[in-house]
C-alpha atoms as a PDB file:
ATOM      1  CA  MET A   1       1.715   9.661 -15.171  1.00  0.00           C
ATOM      2  CA  THR A   2      -1.505  11.609 -15.715  1.00  0.00           C
ATOM      3  CA  VAL A   3      -1.381  11.066 -19.487  1.00  0.00           C
ATOM      4  CA  VAL A   4      -0.744   7.337 -19.055  1.00  0.00           C
ATOM      5  CA  LEU A   5      -3.707   6.971 -16.702  1.00  0.00           C
ATOM      6  CA  MET A   6      -6.008   8.994 -18.930  1.00  0.00           C
ATOM      7  CA  ASP A   7      -4.926   6.976 -21.986  1.00  0.00           C
ATOM      8  CA  ALA A   8      -5.839   3.828 -20.022  1.00  0.00           C
ATOM      9  CA  GLY A   9      -9.341   5.211 -19.436  1.00  0.00           C
ATOM     10  CA  TYR A  10      -8.939   6.498 -15.895  1.00  0.00           C
ATOM     11  CA  GLU A  11      -9.888   9.934 -14.685  1.00  0.00           C
ATOM     12  CA  SER A  12      -6.775  11.619 -13.388  1.00  0.00           C
ATOM     13  CA  VAL A  13      -6.422  14.811 -11.382  1.00  0.00           C
ATOM     14  CA  GLU A  14      -3.104  16.216 -10.222  1.00  0.00           C
ATOM     15  CA  LEU A  15      -2.855  17.580  -6.689  1.00  0.00           C
ATOM     16  CA  ASP A  16       0.032  19.547  -5.253  1.00  0.00           C
ATOM     17  CA  ASP A  17       0.010  17.345  -2.157  1.00  0.00           C
ATOM     18  CA  LEU A  18      -2.043  14.526  -0.651  1.00  0.00           C
ATOM     19  CA  SER A  19      -3.719  16.807   1.882  1.00  0.00           C
ATOM     20  CA  GLN A  20      -5.727  18.319  -0.996  1.00  0.00           C
ATOM     21  CA  TRP A  21      -7.569  15.029  -1.596  1.00  0.00           C
ATOM     22  CA  ARG A  22     -11.070  15.028  -0.117  1.00  0.00           C
ATOM     23  CA  PRO A  23     -13.617  12.223   0.249  1.00  0.00           C
ATOM     24  CA  GLY A  24     -16.155  12.426  -2.545  1.00  0.00           C
ATOM     25  CA  HIS A  25     -13.765  14.340  -4.790  1.00  0.00           C
ATOM     26  CA  GLY A  26     -11.165  11.650  -5.333  1.00  0.00           C
ATOM     27  CA  GLY A  27     -11.122   8.223  -6.816  1.00  0.00           C
ATOM     28  CA  HIS A  28     -10.296   4.809  -5.569  1.00  0.00           C
ATOM     29  CA  ALA A  29      -6.524   5.166  -5.772  1.00  0.00           C
ATOM     30  CA  VAL A  30      -3.965   7.904  -5.305  1.00  0.00           C
ATOM     31  CA  VAL A  31      -0.579   7.964  -6.989  1.00  0.00           C
ATOM     32  CA  ALA A  32       1.861   9.878  -4.809  1.00  0.00           C
ATOM     33  CA  GLY A  33       4.597  11.812  -6.566  1.00  0.00           C
ATOM     34  CA  THR A  34       8.242  10.880  -6.366  1.00  0.00           C
ATOM     35  CA  ILE A  35       8.810   9.794  -2.793  1.00  0.00           C
ATOM     36  CA  ASP A  36      11.161  11.625  -0.464  1.00  0.00           C
ATOM     37  CA  ASP A  37      11.195  11.729   3.334  1.00  0.00           C
ATOM     38  CA  GLY A  38       8.593  14.515   3.469  1.00  0.00           C
ATOM     39  CA  LEU A  39       6.208  12.723   1.135  1.00  0.00           C
ATOM     40  CA  LEU A  40       6.624   9.452   3.033  1.00  0.00           C
ATOM     41  CA  SER A  41       5.149  11.041   6.138  1.00  0.00           C
ATOM     42  CA  SER A  42       2.368  12.514   3.993  1.00  0.00           C
ATOM     43  CA  VAL A  43       1.642   9.042   2.550  1.00  0.00           C
ATOM     44  CA  GLN A  44       1.544   7.604   6.062  1.00  0.00           C
ATOM     45  CA  LEU A  45      -0.921  10.244   7.297  1.00  0.00           C
ATOM     46  CA  PHE A  46      -3.093   9.856   4.198  1.00  0.00           C
ATOM     47  CA  SER A  47      -3.138   6.051   4.517  1.00  0.00           C
ATOM     48  CA  GLU A  48      -4.142   6.261   8.169  1.00  0.00           C
ATOM     49  CA  GLU A  49      -6.943   8.738   7.419  1.00  0.00           C
ATOM     50  CA  HIS A  50      -8.175   6.954   4.265  1.00  0.00           C
ATOM     51  CA  PRO A  51      -7.388   3.236   4.646  1.00  0.00           C
ATOM     52  CA  HIS A  52      -9.843   2.309   1.877  1.00  0.00           C
ATOM     53  CA  ILE A  53      -7.933   4.345  -0.745  1.00  0.00           C
ATOM     54  CA  ALA A  54      -5.024   2.551  -2.427  1.00  0.00           C
ATOM     55  CA  VAL A  55      -1.864   4.638  -2.402  1.00  0.00           C
ATOM     56  CA  ILE A  56       0.699   3.940  -5.092  1.00  0.00           C
ATOM     57  CA  ALA A  57       4.084   5.480  -4.421  1.00  0.00           C
ATOM     58  CA  VAL A  58       6.523   6.553  -7.115  1.00  0.00           C
ATOM     59  CA  VAL A  59      10.241   6.328  -6.398  1.00  0.00           C
ATOM     60  CA  GLY A  60      13.202   7.735  -8.273  1.00  0.00           C
ATOM     61  CA  SER A  61      14.966   4.399  -8.238  1.00  0.00           C
ATOM     62  CA  LEU A  62      13.190   1.142  -7.428  1.00  0.00           C
ATOM     63  CA  THR A  63      15.257  -0.757  -4.888  1.00  0.00           C
ATOM     64  CA  VAL A  64      14.242  -3.261  -2.227  1.00  0.00           C
ATOM     65  CA  ALA A  65      14.863  -0.617   0.456  1.00  0.00           C
ATOM     66  CA  ASN A  66      12.792   2.044  -1.347  1.00  0.00           C
ATOM     67  CA  TYR A  67       9.983  -0.434  -1.948  1.00  0.00           C
ATOM     68  CA  ALA A  68       9.929  -1.540   1.692  1.00  0.00           C
ATOM     69  CA  GLN A  69      10.075   2.037   2.963  1.00  0.00           C
ATOM     70  CA  ALA A  70       7.136   3.114   0.782  1.00  0.00           C
ATOM     71  CA  VAL A  71       5.035   0.090   1.803  1.00  0.00           C
ATOM     72  CA  ARG A  72       5.825   0.626   5.506  1.00  0.00           C
ATOM     73  CA  SER A  73       4.583   4.197   5.018  1.00  0.00           C
ATOM     74  CA  GLY A  74       1.222   2.955   3.751  1.00  0.00           C
ATOM     75  CA  ALA A  75       1.592   2.509  -0.009  1.00  0.00           C
ATOM     76  CA  ILE A  76      -0.033  -0.601  -1.455  1.00  0.00           C
ATOM     77  CA  ALA A  77       2.291  -0.597  -4.464  1.00  0.00           C
ATOM     78  CA  VAL A  78       5.392   1.159  -5.733  1.00  0.00           C
ATOM     79  CA  LEU A  79       6.342   2.367  -9.193  1.00  0.00           C
ATOM     80  CA  ASP A  80       9.679   3.496 -10.574  1.00  0.00           C
ATOM     81  CA  GLU A  81       9.358   6.909 -12.200  1.00  0.00           C
ATOM     82  CA  ILE A  82      10.722   5.372 -15.419  1.00  0.00           C
ATOM     83  CA  ASP A  83       8.247   2.445 -15.533  1.00  0.00           C
ATOM     84  CA  SER A  84       6.531   1.812 -18.853  1.00  0.00           C
ATOM     85  CA  PRO A  85       2.907   2.831 -19.455  1.00  0.00           C
ATOM     86  CA  ALA A  86       1.950  -0.870 -19.462  1.00  0.00           C
ATOM     87  CA  THR A  87       3.549  -1.411 -16.039  1.00  0.00           C
ATOM     88  CA  ILE A  88       1.924   1.727 -14.628  1.00  0.00           C
ATOM     89  CA  THR A  89      -1.490   0.598 -15.863  1.00  0.00           C
ATOM     90  CA  SER A  90      -1.005  -2.950 -14.506  1.00  0.00           C
ATOM     91  CA  VAL A  91       0.008  -1.658 -11.081  1.00  0.00           C
ATOM     92  CA  VAL A  92      -3.005   0.696 -10.937  1.00  0.00           C
ATOM     93  CA  VAL A  93      -5.404  -2.092 -11.995  1.00  0.00           C
ATOM     94  CA  ALA A  94      -3.975  -4.397  -9.315  1.00  0.00           C
ATOM     95  CA  ALA A  95      -4.211  -1.656  -6.652  1.00  0.00           C
ATOM     96  CA  LEU A  96      -7.846  -0.966  -7.535  1.00  0.00           C
ATOM     97  CA  GLU A  97      -8.518  -4.682  -7.010  1.00  0.00           C
ATOM     98  CA  GLY A  98      -6.873  -4.505  -3.571  1.00  0.00           C
ATOM     99  CA  ARG A  99      -3.759  -6.306  -4.765  1.00  0.00           C
ATOM    100  CA  THR A 100      -0.172  -5.307  -5.217  1.00  0.00           C
ATOM    101  CA  MET A 101       2.453  -6.061  -7.812  1.00  0.00           C
ATOM    102  CA  ALA A 102       6.081  -6.230  -6.843  1.00  0.00           C
ATOM    103  CA  PRO A 103       9.170  -6.764  -8.974  1.00  0.00           C
ATOM    104  CA  HIS A 104      10.682 -10.231  -8.681  1.00  0.00           C
ATOM    105  CA  PHE A 105      13.806  -8.934  -6.907  1.00  0.00           C
ATOM    106  CA  VAL A 106      11.637  -7.440  -4.140  1.00  0.00           C
ATOM    107  CA  VAL A 107       9.675 -10.679  -3.686  1.00  0.00           C
ATOM    108  CA  ASN A 108      12.916 -12.702  -3.701  1.00  0.00           C
ATOM    109  CA  ALA A 109      14.402 -10.446  -1.008  1.00  0.00           C
ATOM    110  CA  MET A 110      11.281 -10.839   1.131  1.00  0.00           C
ATOM    111  CA  ALA A 111      11.289 -14.622   0.698  1.00  0.00           C
ATOM    112  CA  ARG A 112      14.905 -14.829   1.883  1.00  0.00           C
ATOM    113  CA  LEU A 113      13.907 -13.124   5.132  1.00  0.00           C
ATOM    114  CA  VAL A 114      11.282 -15.708   6.058  1.00  0.00           C
ATOM    115  CA  PRO A 115      12.584 -18.991   7.465  1.00  0.00           C
ATOM    116  CA  ASP A 116      11.427 -22.271   5.902  1.00  0.00           C
ATOM    117  CA  GLU A 117       9.958 -23.434   9.193  1.00  0.00           C
ATOM    118  CA  VAL A 118       8.114 -20.728  11.053  1.00  0.00           C
ATOM    119  CA  ASP A 119       7.725 -21.089  14.807  1.00  0.00           C
ATOM    120  CA  LEU A 120       4.491 -19.142  15.249  1.00  0.00           C
ATOM    121  CA  ASP A 121       4.961 -18.938  19.003  1.00  0.00           C
ATOM    122  CA  SER A 122       8.074 -16.814  18.478  1.00  0.00           C
ATOM    123  CA  TRP A 123       6.423 -14.684  15.772  1.00  0.00           C
ATOM    124  CA  LEU A 124       2.985 -14.075  17.285  1.00  0.00           C
ATOM    125  CA  SER A 125       1.918 -12.674  20.608  1.00  0.00           C
ATOM    126  CA  GLY A 126      -1.057 -14.192  22.417  1.00  0.00           C
ATOM    127  CA  ASP A 127      -3.244 -11.300  21.202  1.00  0.00           C
ATOM    128  CA  GLU A 128      -2.105 -11.732  17.600  1.00  0.00           C
ATOM    129  CA  ARG A 129      -2.860 -15.453  17.710  1.00  0.00           C
ATOM    130  CA  SER A 130      -6.368 -14.833  19.113  1.00  0.00           C
ATOM    131  CA  TRP A 131      -6.985 -12.149  16.478  1.00  0.00           C
ATOM    132  CA  LEU A 132      -6.072 -14.556  13.686  1.00  0.00           C
ATOM    133  CA  ILE A 133      -8.370 -17.202  15.145  1.00  0.00           C
ATOM    134  CA  ALA A 134     -11.201 -14.647  15.409  1.00  0.00           C
ATOM    135  CA  MET A 135     -10.683 -13.542  11.803  1.00  0.00           C
ATOM    136  CA  ALA A 136     -10.621 -17.168  10.642  1.00  0.00           C
ATOM    137  CA  GLY A 137     -13.976 -17.509  12.407  1.00  0.00           C
ATOM    138  CA  GLY A 138     -15.459 -14.652  10.385  1.00  0.00           C
ATOM    139  CA  LEU A 139     -14.711 -11.511  12.408  1.00  0.00           C
ATOM    140  CA  THR A 140     -13.967  -8.599  10.078  1.00  0.00           C
ATOM    141  CA  VAL A 141     -10.821  -6.495  10.323  1.00  0.00           C
ATOM    142  CA  ALA A 142     -12.957  -3.456  11.196  1.00  0.00           C
ATOM    143  CA  ASP A 143     -14.714  -5.324  14.029  1.00  0.00           C
ATOM    144  CA  LEU A 144     -11.436  -6.742  15.299  1.00  0.00           C
ATOM    145  CA  ALA A 145      -9.758  -3.326  15.265  1.00  0.00           C
ATOM    146  CA  ASP A 146     -12.705  -1.780  17.099  1.00  0.00           C
ATOM    147  CA  THR A 147     -12.684  -4.531  19.719  1.00  0.00           C
ATOM    148  CA  ALA A 148      -8.921  -4.304  20.195  1.00  0.00           C
ATOM    149  CA  GLY A 149      -8.941  -0.511  20.381  1.00  0.00           C
ATOM    150  CA  TYR A 150      -6.977   0.100  17.175  1.00  0.00           C
ATOM    151  CA  SER A 151      -7.781   1.859  13.938  1.00  0.00           C
ATOM    152  CA  GLU A 152      -8.668  -0.464  11.068  1.00  0.00           C
ATOM    153  CA  ARG A 153      -5.393   0.466   9.326  1.00  0.00           C
ATOM    154  CA  ALA A 154      -3.294  -0.356  12.401  1.00  0.00           C
END
């Protein structure tokens, strides 16, 4: 992974674990090593502490369940450890732009879970509805989180 990123023109530093990353000494994205249960909790802690840093998780086998588990833990994107250099570079570029790339089978699985007609009253609480209205009116996520008593990441 390091060689691929360096060949693409990115500075790459390997850390033994995410807790070694420090503000001012890291970049704009972190690629977490092959995900296991221990690293998932590390990704979650890192994402909560550094919500502005894109975390890209690497899994041993890219499945819908692995993808969802990594994203729920705070990763913005997920790579298979056997992905091509071109795919790795594309995913990193997207993450640095605040976007994510997902394989078509992951997107298809997500789309099947969402009904064609969404009854927002059954999906949103009163607070969630008012938050969306406030954000549509220009309130930032940071301001909303502060007002609601949550972290920006939450």
